[in-house]
Protein backbone atom coordinates (compact mmCIF):
# COMPACT_ATOMS: atom_id res chain seq x y z
CA UNK A 1 -8.44 -24.93 -23.62
CA UNK A 2 -9.03 -23.68 -20.10
CA UNK A 3 -12.48 -23.15 -18.64
CA UNK A 4 -12.16 -19.36 -18.75
CA UNK A 5 -11.17 -19.48 -22.41
CA UNK A 6 -14.13 -21.72 -23.24
CA UNK A 7 -16.47 -19.47 -21.25
CA UNK A 8 -15.04 -16.40 -22.97
CA UNK A 9 -15.58 -17.93 -26.40
CA UNK A 10 -19.24 -18.52 -25.51
CA UNK A 11 -19.65 -14.95 -24.28
CA UNK A 12 -18.16 -13.62 -27.50
CA UNK A 13 -21.14 -15.17 -29.29
CA UNK A 14 -23.48 -13.15 -27.08
CA UNK A 15 -21.51 -10.00 -27.81
CA UNK A 16 -21.58 -10.69 -31.55
CA UNK A 17 -25.37 -11.06 -31.25
CA UNK A 18 -25.47 -7.72 -29.37
CA UNK A 19 -26.83 -9.44 -26.25
CA UNK A 20 -24.81 -7.21 -23.98
CA UNK A 21 -26.95 -7.47 -20.86
CA UNK A 22 -26.61 -11.26 -21.00
CA UNK A 23 -22.86 -11.03 -21.63
CA UNK A 24 -22.03 -8.77 -18.68
CA UNK A 25 -22.70 -11.20 -15.80
CA UNK A 26 -20.90 -13.98 -17.63
CA UNK A 27 -17.87 -11.78 -18.23
CA UNK A 28 -17.92 -10.75 -14.58
CA UNK A 29 -17.84 -14.43 -13.62
CA UNK A 30 -14.81 -14.94 -15.84
CA UNK A 31 -12.87 -12.10 -14.20
CA UNK A 32 -13.88 -13.43 -10.78
CA UNK A 33 -12.30 -16.74 -11.75
CA UNK A 34 -9.23 -15.12 -13.32
CA UNK A 35 -8.76 -11.39 -12.76
CA UNK A 36 -5.71 -11.45 -15.03
CA UNK A 37 -7.70 -12.53 -18.12
CA UNK A 38 -7.18 -9.40 -20.21
CA UNK A 39 -9.61 -10.32 -23.00
CA UNK A 40 -12.48 -10.44 -20.50
CA UNK A 41 -11.59 -6.98 -19.19
CA UNK A 42 -11.44 -5.63 -22.73
CA UNK A 43 -14.79 -7.24 -23.51
CA UNK A 44 -16.33 -5.74 -20.37
CA UNK A 45 -15.03 -2.34 -21.40
CA UNK A 46 -16.66 -2.83 -24.79
CA UNK A 47 -20.06 -4.03 -23.54
CA UNK A 48 -20.24 -1.49 -20.75
CA UNK A 49 -19.55 1.20 -23.34
CA UNK A 50 -22.30 -0.21 -25.57
CA UNK A 51 -24.74 -0.06 -22.65
CA UNK A 52 -23.77 3.48 -21.60
CA UNK A 53 -22.04 2.38 -18.40
CA UNK A 54 -18.95 4.47 -18.99
CA UNK A 55 -17.45 4.43 -15.49
CA UNK A 56 -17.47 0.63 -15.49
CA UNK A 57 -16.11 0.53 -19.03
CA UNK A 58 -13.20 2.74 -18.04
CA UNK A 59 -12.43 0.63 -14.96
CA UNK A 60 -12.06 -2.51 -17.06
CA UNK A 61 -10.14 -0.77 -19.81
CA UNK A 62 -7.71 0.56 -17.23
CA UNK A 63 -7.36 -2.92 -15.73
CA UNK A 64 -6.39 -4.32 -19.14
CA UNK A 65 -3.72 -1.61 -19.46
CA UNK A 66 -2.43 -2.38 -15.96
CA UNK A 67 -2.24 -6.11 -16.70
CA UNK A 68 -0.44 -5.64 -20.02
CA UNK A 69 1.27 -2.25 -19.82
CA UNK A 70 3.42 -2.90 -22.89
CA UNK A 71 0.57 -3.75 -25.26
CA UNK A 72 -0.23 -0.82 -27.54
CA UNK A 73 -3.60 -2.31 -28.47
CA UNK A 74 -4.85 -2.02 -24.90
CA UNK A 75 -4.05 1.70 -24.83
CA UNK A 76 -5.66 2.22 -28.22
CA UNK A 77 -8.78 0.47 -26.93
CA UNK A 78 -8.60 2.62 -23.79
CA UNK A 79 -8.49 5.75 -25.93
CA UNK A 80 -11.62 4.61 -27.78
CA UNK A 81 -13.32 3.89 -24.45
CA UNK A 82 -12.53 7.42 -23.25
CA UNK A 83 -13.73 8.90 -26.55
CA UNK A 84 -17.03 7.07 -26.26
CA UNK A 85 -17.34 8.12 -22.62
CA UNK A 86 -16.96 11.72 -23.78
CA UNK A 87 -19.55 11.20 -26.51
CA UNK A 88 -21.96 9.69 -23.99
CA UNK A 89 -21.44 12.22 -21.22
CA UNK A 90 -19.86 15.34 -22.78
CA UNK A 91 -17.44 15.29 -19.82
CA UNK A 92 -14.41 17.15 -21.18
CA UNK A 93 -11.88 15.34 -18.98
CA UNK A 94 -12.32 12.25 -21.16
CA UNK A 95 -10.85 14.09 -24.16
CA UNK A 96 -7.45 14.55 -22.51
CA UNK A 97 -7.49 11.01 -21.15
CA UNK A 98 -8.22 9.70 -24.66
CA UNK A 99 -5.32 11.70 -26.07
CA UNK A 100 -3.00 10.48 -23.30
CA UNK A 101 -3.94 6.84 -23.91
CA UNK A 102 -3.37 7.22 -27.65
CA UNK A 103 0.00 8.86 -27.02
CA UNK A 104 0.95 5.88 -24.84
CA UNK A 105 -0.13 3.48 -27.60
CA UNK A 106 2.00 5.35 -30.16
CA UNK A 107 4.99 5.36 -27.82
CA UNK A 108 4.68 1.59 -27.34
CA UNK A 109 4.44 1.03 -31.08
CA UNK A 110 7.75 2.81 -31.48
């Protein structure tokens, strides 16, 4: 198991314990080491959403979709991130973005 995978597994324990503020810097270190590590970007999207940092959450969700553009799960997760951004901000543009991401996920699923 690579160092980033081992580090990620440790961070997942923090996330499971809802220790999001402790998880964020460790996840950022992982993506600094390997910016192509999709699970870390997805986890950052999740913890940033949990902490109300919607712009950052969206950035990492989008990065996961860019890295794996044929993975329907990433677009489903992106849709959820946009939905939660809307719920947290009431910014209407997130509704259309959520619908677009879900449409992309459905298209990829066939």
